[in-house]
Amino acid sequence: MARCMVKKWRRRKRKKWKLEERKNEMAKYQGKSVRLNKPSRIIKGQAGYGRKKFKVFVKSGSKVKKVMFGDPNMRIKKSSPARRKSFRARHRCSTAKDKTTARYWSCKKW
């Protein structure tokens, strides 16, 4: 019985921590509240549709920046080890450290 109570308490604590963490991930971009560092697909009607496949909002200093990446006409075939290795070598993914670049997010997707 006590064990069950401890598990519930831990779950509640974890949930509360996640909610607090999410608040920190939010920021304002052009008057809208956006989530930081979470890539999302660009859907029809949004700016950049047809030019890029994904977008992500990142904080650069005190400003929030929108980074768009990915070819909208290509499918990501990362399940093939040879293609994955080739992509990561071609884009030098091991050196991609700056979150404000499309290369970083593209490599992270792969």
N, C-alpha and C. Protein backbone atom coordinates (compact mmCIF):
# COMPACT_ATOMS: atom_id res chain seq x y z
N MET A 1 0.82 -1.20 0.00
CA MET A 1 0.00 0.00 0.00
C MET A 1 0.87 1.26 0.00
N ALA A 2 1.88 1.30 0.85
CA ALA A 2 2.75 2.48 0.93
C ALA A 2 3.53 2.65 -0.37
N ARG A 3 3.90 1.54 -0.97
CA ARG A 3 4.65 1.58 -2.23
C ARG A 3 3.83 2.26 -3.33
N CYS A 4 2.55 1.95 -3.35
CA CYS A 4 1.64 2.54 -4.34
C CYS A 4 1.55 4.06 -4.15
N MET A 5 1.50 4.49 -2.90
CA MET A 5 1.42 5.93 -2.61
C MET A 5 2.68 6.66 -3.06
N VAL A 6 3.83 6.02 -2.87
CA VAL A 6 5.10 6.62 -3.28
C VAL A 6 5.13 6.78 -4.80
N LYS A 7 4.66 5.76 -5.51
CA LYS A 7 4.62 5.83 -6.98
C LYS A 7 3.74 6.98 -7.45
N LYS A 8 2.56 7.13 -6.82
CA LYS A 8 1.65 8.22 -7.20
C LYS A 8 2.29 9.57 -6.94
N TRP A 9 2.96 9.69 -5.78
CA TRP A 9 3.62 10.94 -5.43
C TRP A 9 4.70 11.27 -6.45
N ARG A 10 5.49 10.27 -6.84
CA ARG A 10 6.56 10.49 -7.83
C ARG A 10 5.97 10.91 -9.17
N ARG A 11 4.87 10.25 -9.56
CA ARG A 11 4.23 10.59 -10.83
C ARG A 11 3.74 12.04 -10.82
N ARG A 12 3.10 12.46 -9.70
CA ARG A 12 2.62 13.82 -9.59
C ARG A 12 3.76 14.82 -9.64
N LYS A 13 4.83 14.50 -8.95
CA LYS A 13 5.99 15.38 -8.92
C LYS A 13 6.59 15.52 -10.32
N ARG A 14 6.70 14.39 -11.04
CA ARG A 14 7.24 14.39 -12.40
C ARG A 14 6.35 15.23 -13.32
N LYS A 15 5.04 15.07 -13.18
CA LYS A 15 4.09 15.82 -14.02
C LYS A 15 4.21 17.32 -13.77
N LYS A 16 4.30 17.69 -12.50
CA LYS A 16 4.43 19.10 -12.14
C LYS A 16 5.73 19.67 -12.71
N TRP A 17 6.81 18.90 -12.62
CA TRP A 17 8.10 19.32 -13.14
C TRP A 17 8.03 19.54 -14.65
N LYS A 18 7.35 18.63 -15.35
CA LYS A 18 7.21 18.76 -16.81
C LYS A 18 6.43 20.01 -17.18
N LEU A 19 5.38 20.34 -16.41
CA LEU A 19 4.59 21.54 -16.68
C LEU A 19 5.44 22.79 -16.49
N GLU A 20 6.23 22.81 -15.43
CA GLU A 20 7.12 23.95 -15.19
C GLU A 20 8.15 24.08 -16.30
N GLU A 21 8.65 22.94 -16.76
CA GLU A 21 9.64 22.94 -17.83
C GLU A 21 9.04 23.49 -19.12
N ARG A 22 7.77 23.12 -19.40
CA ARG A 22 7.11 23.60 -20.61
C ARG A 22 6.94 25.12 -20.60
N LYS A 23 6.65 25.69 -19.44
CA LYS A 23 6.50 27.14 -19.34
C LYS A 23 7.79 27.83 -19.75
N ASN A 24 8.91 27.23 -19.36
CA ASN A 24 10.21 27.80 -19.70
C ASN A 24 10.50 27.67 -21.19
N GLU A 25 9.89 26.71 -21.85
CA GLU A 25 10.13 26.48 -23.27
C GLU A 25 9.30 27.42 -24.15
N MET A 26 8.37 28.14 -23.58
CA MET A 26 7.51 29.01 -24.37
C MET A 26 8.13 30.40 -24.49
N ALA A 27 7.85 31.05 -25.63
CA ALA A 27 8.35 32.41 -25.86
C ALA A 27 7.40 33.11 -26.83
N LYS A 28 7.57 34.40 -26.99
CA LYS A 28 6.76 35.19 -27.92
C LYS A 28 7.54 35.38 -29.21
N TYR A 29 6.87 35.12 -30.35
CA TYR A 29 7.45 35.36 -31.67
C TYR A 29 6.40 36.09 -32.48
N GLN A 30 6.67 37.33 -32.83
CA GLN A 30 5.75 38.19 -33.58
C GLN A 30 4.36 38.22 -32.93
N GLY A 31 4.35 38.35 -31.61
CA GLY A 31 3.10 38.47 -30.88
C GLY A 31 2.40 37.17 -30.55
N LYS A 32 2.92 36.04 -31.03
CA LYS A 32 2.32 34.74 -30.76
C LYS A 32 3.18 33.96 -29.79
N SER A 33 2.54 33.16 -28.96
CA SER A 33 3.27 32.31 -28.02
C SER A 33 3.66 31.02 -28.75
N VAL A 34 4.95 30.71 -28.76
CA VAL A 34 5.45 29.54 -29.48
C VAL A 34 6.31 28.68 -28.55
N ARG A 35 6.39 27.40 -28.85
CA ARG A 35 7.23 26.48 -28.09
C ARG A 35 8.62 26.47 -28.70
N LEU A 36 9.62 26.54 -27.85
CA LEU A 36 11.01 26.57 -28.30
C LEU A 36 11.57 25.16 -28.46
N ASN A 37 12.48 25.00 -29.42
CA ASN A 37 13.26 23.78 -29.63
C ASN A 37 12.42 22.54 -29.90
N LYS A 38 11.27 22.70 -30.55
CA LYS A 38 10.43 21.56 -30.90
C LYS A 38 10.04 21.68 -32.37
N PRO A 39 10.69 20.90 -33.25
CA PRO A 39 10.38 20.99 -34.68
C PRO A 39 8.94 20.59 -34.98
N SER A 40 8.33 21.28 -35.94
CA SER A 40 6.99 20.94 -36.39
C SER A 40 6.91 21.09 -37.90
N ARG A 41 6.01 20.36 -38.49
CA ARG A 41 5.83 20.37 -39.93
C ARG A 41 5.14 21.67 -40.36
N ILE A 42 5.55 22.23 -41.48
CA ILE A 42 4.91 23.43 -42.02
C ILE A 42 3.69 22.97 -42.81
N ILE A 43 2.51 23.45 -42.41
CA ILE A 43 1.29 23.02 -43.08
C ILE A 43 0.82 24.07 -44.07
N LYS A 44 -0.06 23.66 -44.95
CA LYS A 44 -0.57 24.54 -46.00
C LYS A 44 -1.20 25.78 -45.39
N GLY A 45 -0.86 26.94 -45.95
CA GLY A 45 -1.37 28.21 -45.46
C GLY A 45 -0.38 28.94 -44.57
N GLN A 46 0.64 28.24 -44.08
CA GLN A 46 1.65 28.89 -43.24
C GLN A 46 2.77 29.42 -44.12
N ALA A 47 3.46 30.43 -43.59
CA ALA A 47 4.60 30.99 -44.31
C ALA A 47 5.67 29.93 -44.46
N GLY A 48 6.18 29.78 -45.67
CA GLY A 48 7.23 28.80 -45.94
C GLY A 48 6.71 27.50 -46.51
N TYR A 49 5.38 27.33 -46.60
CA TYR A 49 4.83 26.09 -47.16
C TYR A 49 5.23 25.97 -48.63
N GLY A 50 5.73 24.82 -49.01
CA GLY A 50 6.19 24.58 -50.38
C GLY A 50 7.66 24.88 -50.56
N ARG A 51 8.25 25.67 -49.64
CA ARG A 51 9.68 25.97 -49.72
C ARG A 51 10.48 25.09 -48.77
N LYS A 52 9.94 24.88 -47.58
CA LYS A 52 10.61 24.06 -46.58
C LYS A 52 9.60 23.12 -45.92
N LYS A 53 10.09 22.07 -45.28
CA LYS A 53 9.23 21.04 -44.72
C LYS A 53 8.96 21.22 -43.22
N PHE A 54 9.97 21.66 -42.47
CA PHE A 54 9.84 21.80 -41.02
C PHE A 54 10.23 23.20 -40.56
N LYS A 55 9.74 23.55 -39.37
CA LYS A 55 10.14 24.81 -38.74
C LYS A 55 10.37 24.55 -37.26
N VAL A 56 11.22 25.38 -36.67
CA VAL A 56 11.47 25.29 -35.23
C VAL A 56 11.82 26.69 -34.74
N PHE A 57 11.35 27.04 -33.56
CA PHE A 57 11.66 28.33 -32.96
C PHE A 57 12.75 28.13 -31.93
N VAL A 58 13.80 28.95 -32.02
CA VAL A 58 14.92 28.85 -31.08
C VAL A 58 15.23 30.23 -30.52
N LYS A 59 15.82 30.23 -29.35
CA LYS A 59 16.19 31.48 -28.71
C LYS A 59 17.65 31.76 -29.03
N SER A 60 17.91 32.92 -29.61
CA SER A 60 19.27 33.35 -29.94
C SER A 60 19.54 34.61 -29.14
N GLY A 61 20.22 34.45 -28.02
CA GLY A 61 20.42 35.59 -27.12
C GLY A 61 19.10 35.93 -26.46
N SER A 62 18.62 37.14 -26.69
CA SER A 62 17.32 37.53 -26.13
C SER A 62 16.21 37.46 -27.17
N LYS A 63 16.56 37.19 -28.43
CA LYS A 63 15.57 37.14 -29.51
C LYS A 63 15.15 35.71 -29.81
N VAL A 64 13.94 35.57 -30.36
CA VAL A 64 13.43 34.28 -30.80
C VAL A 64 13.55 34.24 -32.32
N LYS A 65 14.12 33.17 -32.84
CA LYS A 65 14.37 33.04 -34.27
C LYS A 65 13.63 31.82 -34.81
N LYS A 66 13.09 31.95 -36.01
CA LYS A 66 12.40 30.83 -36.67
C LYS A 66 13.37 30.22 -37.67
N VAL A 67 13.64 28.93 -37.51
CA VAL A 67 14.55 28.22 -38.42
C VAL A 67 13.72 27.23 -39.23
N MET A 68 13.81 27.34 -40.55
CA MET A 68 13.09 26.41 -41.43
C MET A 68 14.11 25.52 -42.12
N PHE A 69 13.77 24.24 -42.26
CA PHE A 69 14.70 23.29 -42.86
C PHE A 69 13.95 22.14 -43.51
N GLY A 70 14.64 21.41 -44.38
CA GLY A 70 14.09 20.23 -45.03
C GLY A 70 13.50 20.51 -46.39
N ASP A 71 13.77 19.61 -47.32
CA ASP A 71 13.23 19.72 -48.67
C ASP A 71 11.80 19.18 -48.67
N PRO A 72 10.80 19.98 -49.10
CA PRO A 72 9.41 19.53 -49.05
C PRO A 72 9.09 18.41 -50.04
N ASN A 73 9.95 18.23 -51.05
CA ASN A 73 9.67 17.22 -52.08
C ASN A 73 10.38 15.89 -51.84
N MET A 74 11.12 15.77 -50.74
CA MET A 74 11.86 14.54 -50.47
C MET A 74 11.34 13.87 -49.20
N ARG A 75 11.44 12.55 -49.18
CA ARG A 75 11.07 11.79 -47.99
C ARG A 75 12.33 11.47 -47.21
N ILE A 76 12.22 11.45 -45.90
CA ILE A 76 13.35 11.09 -45.05
C ILE A 76 13.38 9.57 -44.95
N LYS A 77 14.45 8.98 -45.44
CA LYS A 77 14.58 7.52 -45.42
C LYS A 77 15.69 7.12 -44.47
N LYS A 78 15.53 7.51 -43.20
CA LYS A 78 16.59 7.27 -42.23
C LYS A 78 16.64 5.83 -41.73
N SER A 79 15.70 5.00 -42.15
CA SER A 79 15.72 3.60 -41.71
C SER A 79 16.81 2.80 -42.42
N SER A 80 17.30 3.31 -43.54
CA SER A 80 18.39 2.64 -44.25
C SER A 80 19.73 3.10 -43.67
N PRO A 81 20.50 2.21 -43.06
CA PRO A 81 21.77 2.60 -42.43
C PRO A 81 22.76 3.25 -43.40
N ALA A 82 22.80 2.80 -44.64
CA ALA A 82 23.73 3.36 -45.62
C ALA A 82 23.35 4.81 -45.96
N ARG A 83 22.06 5.07 -46.15
CA ARG A 83 21.60 6.43 -46.46
C ARG A 83 21.82 7.36 -45.28
N ARG A 84 21.57 6.85 -44.08
CA ARG A 84 21.76 7.64 -42.87
C ARG A 84 23.23 8.04 -42.70
N LYS A 85 24.11 7.08 -42.91
CA LYS A 85 25.55 7.33 -42.78
C LYS A 85 26.02 8.35 -43.82
N SER A 86 25.53 8.19 -45.06
CA SER A 86 25.90 9.09 -46.14
C SER A 86 25.43 10.52 -45.86
N PHE A 87 24.17 10.66 -45.41
CA PHE A 87 23.62 11.99 -45.10
C PHE A 87 24.44 12.66 -44.01
N ARG A 88 24.70 11.92 -42.93
CA ARG A 88 25.41 12.50 -41.79
C ARG A 88 26.84 12.88 -42.16
N ALA A 89 27.48 12.13 -43.06
CA ALA A 89 28.83 12.47 -43.51
C ALA A 89 28.80 13.70 -44.42
N ARG A 90 27.82 13.73 -45.32
CA ARG A 90 27.71 14.83 -46.28
C ARG A 90 27.46 16.17 -45.59
N HIS A 91 26.67 16.14 -44.53
CA HIS A 91 26.31 17.37 -43.82
C HIS A 91 27.19 17.65 -42.60
N ARG A 92 28.20 16.81 -42.39
CA ARG A 92 29.12 16.95 -41.25
C ARG A 92 28.34 17.12 -39.94
N CYS A 93 27.47 16.17 -39.67
CA CYS A 93 26.58 16.25 -38.51
C CYS A 93 27.32 16.20 -37.18
N SER A 94 28.49 15.62 -37.16
CA SER A 94 29.23 15.53 -35.90
C SER A 94 29.70 16.89 -35.41
N THR A 95 29.76 17.89 -36.30
CA THR A 95 30.21 19.23 -35.91
C THR A 95 29.07 20.24 -35.80
N ALA A 96 27.83 19.82 -36.04
CA ALA A 96 26.68 20.73 -35.99
C ALA A 96 26.29 20.96 -34.53
N LYS A 97 26.64 22.12 -33.98
CA LYS A 97 26.38 22.41 -32.56
C LYS A 97 25.48 23.62 -32.34
N ASP A 98 25.33 24.49 -33.34
CA ASP A 98 24.57 25.74 -33.19
C ASP A 98 23.09 25.50 -33.48
N LYS A 99 22.24 25.68 -32.47
CA LYS A 99 20.80 25.43 -32.62
C LYS A 99 20.10 26.41 -33.55
N THR A 100 20.75 27.51 -33.90
CA THR A 100 20.11 28.50 -34.75
C THR A 100 20.32 28.22 -36.24
N THR A 101 20.89 27.06 -36.58
CA THR A 101 21.13 26.72 -37.98
C THR A 101 20.23 25.56 -38.42
N ALA A 102 19.90 25.58 -39.69
CA ALA A 102 19.08 24.51 -40.26
C ALA A 102 19.85 23.19 -40.27
N ARG A 103 21.16 23.26 -40.40
CA ARG A 103 21.99 22.04 -40.42
C ARG A 103 21.86 21.27 -39.11
N TYR A 104 21.87 21.98 -38.00
CA TYR A 104 21.75 21.34 -36.68
C TYR A 104 20.44 20.55 -36.60
N TRP A 105 19.33 21.18 -36.98
CA TRP A 105 18.02 20.54 -36.85
C TRP A 105 17.83 19.43 -37.87
N SER A 106 18.38 19.60 -39.06
CA SER A 106 18.31 18.56 -40.06
C SER A 106 19.07 17.32 -39.59
N CYS A 107 20.24 17.54 -39.04
CA CYS A 107 21.05 16.43 -38.52
C CYS A 107 20.36 15.76 -37.34
N LYS A 108 19.69 16.55 -36.52
CA LYS A 108 18.99 16.00 -35.36
C LYS A 108 17.83 15.12 -35.82
N LYS A 109 17.16 15.52 -36.89
CA LYS A 109 16.06 14.72 -37.44
C LYS A 109 16.56 13.37 -37.96
N TRP A 110 17.78 13.38 -38.52
CA TRP A 110 18.37 12.17 -39.07
C TRP A 110 19.03 11.39 -37.97
